C-alpha atoms as a PDB file:
ATOM      1  CA  MET A   1     -43.203 -65.313   8.869  1.00  0.00           C
ATOM      2  CA  TRP A   2     -44.941 -62.386  10.528  1.00  0.00           C
ATOM      3  CA  ASP A   3     -45.106 -60.494   7.224  1.00  0.00           C
ATOM      4  CA  TYR A   4     -46.719 -63.515   5.579  1.00  0.00           C
ATOM      5  CA  ILE A   5     -49.326 -63.687   8.353  1.00  0.00           C
ATOM      6  CA  LEU A   6     -50.114 -59.997   7.893  1.00  0.00           C
ATOM      7  CA  GLU A   7     -50.619 -60.532   4.149  1.00  0.00           C
ATOM      8  CA  LYS A   8     -53.223 -63.215   4.843  1.00  0.00           C
ATOM      9  CA  TYR A   9     -54.908 -62.030   8.042  1.00  0.00           C
ATOM     10  CA  MET A  10     -55.759 -58.869   9.896  1.00  0.00           C
ATOM     11  CA  VAL A  11     -53.889 -59.313  13.159  1.00  0.00           C
ATOM     12  CA  PRO A  12     -53.115 -56.440  15.514  1.00  0.00           C
ATOM     13  CA  ILE A  13     -49.472 -56.023  16.491  1.00  0.00           C
ATOM     14  CA  GLU A  14     -50.445 -56.924  20.057  1.00  0.00           C
ATOM     15  CA  GLY A  15     -51.230 -60.442  18.806  1.00  0.00           C
ATOM     16  CA  ARG A  16     -47.792 -61.007  17.289  1.00  0.00           C
ATOM     17  CA  LYS A  17     -46.328 -62.819  20.295  1.00  0.00           C
ATOM     18  CA  TRP A  18     -49.323 -65.156  20.564  1.00  0.00           C
ATOM     19  CA  VAL A  19     -49.411 -65.872  16.816  1.00  0.00           C
ATOM     20  CA  MET A  20     -45.701 -66.639  16.634  1.00  0.00           C
ATOM     21  CA  SER A  21     -45.869 -68.801  19.754  1.00  0.00           C
ATOM     22  CA  THR A  22     -48.809 -70.749  18.321  1.00  0.00           C
ATOM     23  CA  ILE A  23     -47.011 -71.310  15.018  1.00  0.00           C
ATOM     24  CA  ASN A  24     -43.960 -72.518  16.912  1.00  0.00           C
ATOM     25  CA  ASP A  25     -46.033 -74.936  19.002  1.00  0.00           C
ATOM     26  CA  LEU A  26     -47.840 -76.320  15.961  1.00  0.00           C
ATOM     27  CA  TRP A  27     -44.567 -76.791  14.078  1.00  0.00           C
ATOM     28  CA  ARG A  28     -43.158 -78.790  17.002  1.00  0.00           C
ATOM     29  CA  VAL A  29     -46.293 -80.962  17.089  1.00  0.00           C
ATOM     30  CA  HIS A  30     -46.002 -81.541  13.333  1.00  0.00           C
ATOM     31  CA  LYS A  31     -42.354 -82.598  13.619  1.00  0.00           C
ATOM     32  CA  SER A  32     -43.132 -84.900  16.527  1.00  0.00           C
ATOM     33  CA  ARG A  33     -45.993 -86.594  14.696  1.00  0.00           C
ATOM     34  CA  MET A  34     -43.859 -86.957  11.575  1.00  0.00           C
ATOM     35  CA  LYS A  35     -41.142 -88.701  13.566  1.00  0.00           C
ATOM     36  CA  ASP A  36     -43.646 -90.949  15.346  1.00  0.00           C
ATOM     37  CA  LYS A  37     -45.357 -91.936  12.103  1.00  0.00           C
ATOM     38  CA  HIS A  38     -42.333 -92.294   9.832  1.00  0.00           C
ATOM     39  CA  TYR A  39     -39.425 -93.149  12.129  1.00  0.00           C
ATOM     40  CA  TYR A  40     -40.505 -94.868  15.332  1.00  0.00           C
ATOM     41  CA  ALA A  41     -43.212 -96.844  13.523  1.00  0.00           C
ATOM     42  CA  TYR A  42     -40.582 -98.813  11.580  1.00  0.00           C
ATOM     43  CA  THR A  43     -37.500-100.658  12.761  1.00  0.00           C
ATOM     44  CA  THR A  44     -35.239-100.197   9.740  1.00  0.00           C
ATOM     45  CA  ASP A  45     -34.416 -97.385   7.368  1.00  0.00           C
ATOM     46  CA  ALA A  46     -35.461 -99.624   4.470  1.00  0.00           C
ATOM     47  CA  ARG A  47     -38.983 -99.879   5.876  1.00  0.00           C
ATOM     48  CA  ARG A  48     -38.992 -96.179   6.709  1.00  0.00           C
ATOM     49  CA  TRP A  49     -37.944 -95.389   3.154  1.00  0.00           C
ATOM     50  CA  LYS A  50     -40.661 -97.621   1.729  1.00  0.00           C
ATOM     51  CA  ASN A  51     -43.252 -95.742   3.795  1.00  0.00           C
ATOM     52  CA  ARG A  52     -41.834 -92.246   3.428  1.00  0.00           C
ATOM     53  CA  PRO A  53     -44.314 -89.383   3.133  1.00  0.00           C
ATOM     54  CA  LYS A  54     -44.717 -88.302  -0.481  1.00  0.00           C
ATOM     55  CA  THR A  55     -44.845 -84.656   0.632  1.00  0.00           C
ATOM     56  CA  ILE A  56     -41.126 -84.803   1.479  1.00  0.00           C
ATOM     57  CA  SER A  57     -38.586 -85.078  -1.319  1.00  0.00           C
ATOM     58  CA  GLU A  58     -36.300 -88.102  -1.405  1.00  0.00           C
ATOM     59  CA  GLN A  59     -33.233 -86.018  -0.551  1.00  0.00           C
ATOM     60  CA  GLN A  60     -34.949 -84.260   2.338  1.00  0.00           C
ATOM     61  CA  PHE A  61     -36.221 -87.552   3.748  1.00  0.00           C
ATOM     62  CA  ARG A  62     -32.756 -89.095   3.428  1.00  0.00           C
ATOM     63  CA  ASP A  63     -31.324 -86.131   5.320  1.00  0.00           C
ATOM     64  CA  LEU A  64     -34.085 -86.408   7.906  1.00  0.00           C
ATOM     65  CA  LEU A  65     -33.407 -90.113   8.484  1.00  0.00           C
ATOM     66  CA  ASN A  66     -29.707 -89.386   8.902  1.00  0.00           C
ATOM     67  CA  TYR A  67     -30.519 -86.659  11.402  1.00  0.00           C
ATOM     68  CA  TRP A  68     -32.930 -88.844  13.355  1.00  0.00           C
ATOM     69  CA  ASP A  69     -30.358 -91.656  13.426  1.00  0.00           C
ATOM     70  CA  LEU A  70     -27.897 -89.317  15.146  1.00  0.00           C
ATOM     71  CA  GLU A  71     -30.247 -88.510  17.996  1.00  0.00           C
END
C-alpha cells in the first residue's frame, strides 16, 4: 500500500505512519457504513440481496452476508 501511495503522491517517509493510520481508519469507517447500509438496514438476507451494492460482486456479497451472519 505504501508503495502505491508513493507512486501517486510525494509523501516524506516521516509521514508514513500517519498515512497508513489514516487509510486504516477510513477503511474501518467504510466497512462500518457498508454494514449499516446493507446489513442492519434490512431484516432478511433476501432483502439484503435485493439491495446489494452493485460495486460488490455477487460472490463477494454472499460471502460478506455469511460472515456478517456469524458475528
